[in-house]
Amino acid sequence: MKKSKEKSVIKGFEAVKFMRKVRDEISKDIADMDFQEIKKYFENRRLKISIKK
């Protein structure tokens, strides 16, 4: 027998709207950076996100 996986749904959450907001914020943040700065930006961002969990 397979167990059914329950999916949690956040009512009122709009995934596309959220994705666009985050993408636009990142684009503004990295607009004037060179490759090394962008690389460091994403390393730091990944650390901040993993700490929040």
C-alpha atoms as a PDB file:
ATOM      1  CA  MET A   1       0.000   0.000   0.000  1.00  0.00           C
ATOM      2  CA  LYS A   2       1.160   3.473  -0.819  1.00  0.00           C
ATOM      3  CA  LYS A   3       0.653   6.251   1.651  1.00  0.00           C
ATOM      4  CA  SER A   4      -0.895   9.343   0.190  1.00  0.00           C
ATOM      5  CA  LYS A   5       1.128  12.464   0.720  1.00  0.00           C
ATOM      6  CA  GLU A   6      -0.791  15.405   2.068  1.00  0.00           C
ATOM      7  CA  LYS A   7      -0.022  18.658   0.348  1.00  0.00           C
ATOM      8  CA  SER A   8      -0.129  21.754   2.450  1.00  0.00           C
ATOM      9  CA  VAL A   9      -1.802  24.694   0.793  1.00  0.00           C
ATOM     10  CA  ILE A  10      -1.498  28.265   1.935  1.00  0.00           C
ATOM     11  CA  LYS A  11      -4.807  29.924   1.254  1.00  0.00           C
ATOM     12  CA  GLY A  12      -4.473  33.205  -0.590  1.00  0.00           C
ATOM     13  CA  PHE A  13      -0.884  32.528  -1.652  1.00  0.00           C
ATOM     14  CA  GLU A  14      -0.268  33.607  -5.211  1.00  0.00           C
ATOM     15  CA  ALA A  15       2.815  31.788  -6.464  1.00  0.00           C
ATOM     16  CA  VAL A  16       3.248  33.730  -9.706  1.00  0.00           C
ATOM     17  CA  LYS A  17       2.889  37.088  -7.971  1.00  0.00           C
ATOM     18  CA  PHE A  18       5.420  35.993  -5.315  1.00  0.00           C
ATOM     19  CA  MET A  19       7.903  34.717  -7.922  1.00  0.00           C
ATOM     20  CA  ARG A  20       7.712  37.942  -9.918  1.00  0.00           C
ATOM     21  CA  LYS A  21       8.219  40.059  -6.783  1.00  0.00           C
ATOM     22  CA  VAL A  22      11.305  38.089  -5.709  1.00  0.00           C
ATOM     23  CA  ARG A  23      12.724  38.059  -9.255  1.00  0.00           C
ATOM     24  CA  ASP A  24      12.277  41.834  -9.574  1.00  0.00           C
ATOM     25  CA  GLU A  25      13.951  42.448  -6.196  1.00  0.00           C
ATOM     26  CA  ILE A  26      16.919  40.287  -7.153  1.00  0.00           C
ATOM     27  CA  SER A  27      17.208  41.996 -10.541  1.00  0.00           C
ATOM     28  CA  LYS A  28      17.357  45.415  -8.867  1.00  0.00           C
ATOM     29  CA  ASP A  29      19.919  44.204  -6.321  1.00  0.00           C
ATOM     30  CA  ILE A  30      22.330  42.731  -8.857  1.00  0.00           C
ATOM     31  CA  ALA A  31      21.868  45.250 -11.688  1.00  0.00           C
ATOM     32  CA  ASP A  32      25.232  46.993 -11.224  1.00  0.00           C
ATOM     33  CA  MET A  33      27.286  44.045  -9.957  1.00  0.00           C
ATOM     34  CA  ASP A  34      30.049  42.181 -11.718  1.00  0.00           C
ATOM     35  CA  PHE A  35      30.161  38.376 -11.820  1.00  0.00           C
ATOM     36  CA  GLN A  36      32.097  37.941  -8.563  1.00  0.00           C
ATOM     37  CA  GLU A  37      29.726  40.250  -6.688  1.00  0.00           C
ATOM     38  CA  ILE A  38      26.695  38.398  -8.058  1.00  0.00           C
ATOM     39  CA  LYS A  39      28.219  35.084  -7.045  1.00  0.00           C
ATOM     40  CA  LYS A  40      28.794  36.377  -3.492  1.00  0.00           C
ATOM     41  CA  TYR A  41      25.257  37.844  -3.404  1.00  0.00           C
ATOM     42  CA  PHE A  42      23.692  34.437  -4.121  1.00  0.00           C
ATOM     43  CA  GLU A  43      25.974  32.657  -1.645  1.00  0.00           C
ATOM     44  CA  ASN A  44      24.879  35.061   1.088  1.00  0.00           C
ATOM     45  CA  ARG A  45      21.235  34.834   0.038  1.00  0.00           C
ATOM     46  CA  ARG A  46      21.353  31.038   0.178  1.00  0.00           C
ATOM     47  CA  LEU A  47      22.811  31.196   3.694  1.00  0.00           C
ATOM     48  CA  LYS A  48      20.133  33.602   4.897  1.00  0.00           C
ATOM     49  CA  ILE A  49      17.358  31.400   3.507  1.00  0.00           C
ATOM     50  CA  SER A  50      18.797  28.207   5.018  1.00  0.00           C
ATOM     51  CA  ILE A  51      19.113  29.870   8.446  1.00  0.00           C
ATOM     52  CA  LYS A  52      15.431  30.913   8.397  1.00  0.00           C
ATOM     53  CA  LYS A  53      14.226  27.288   8.005  1.00  0.00           C
END
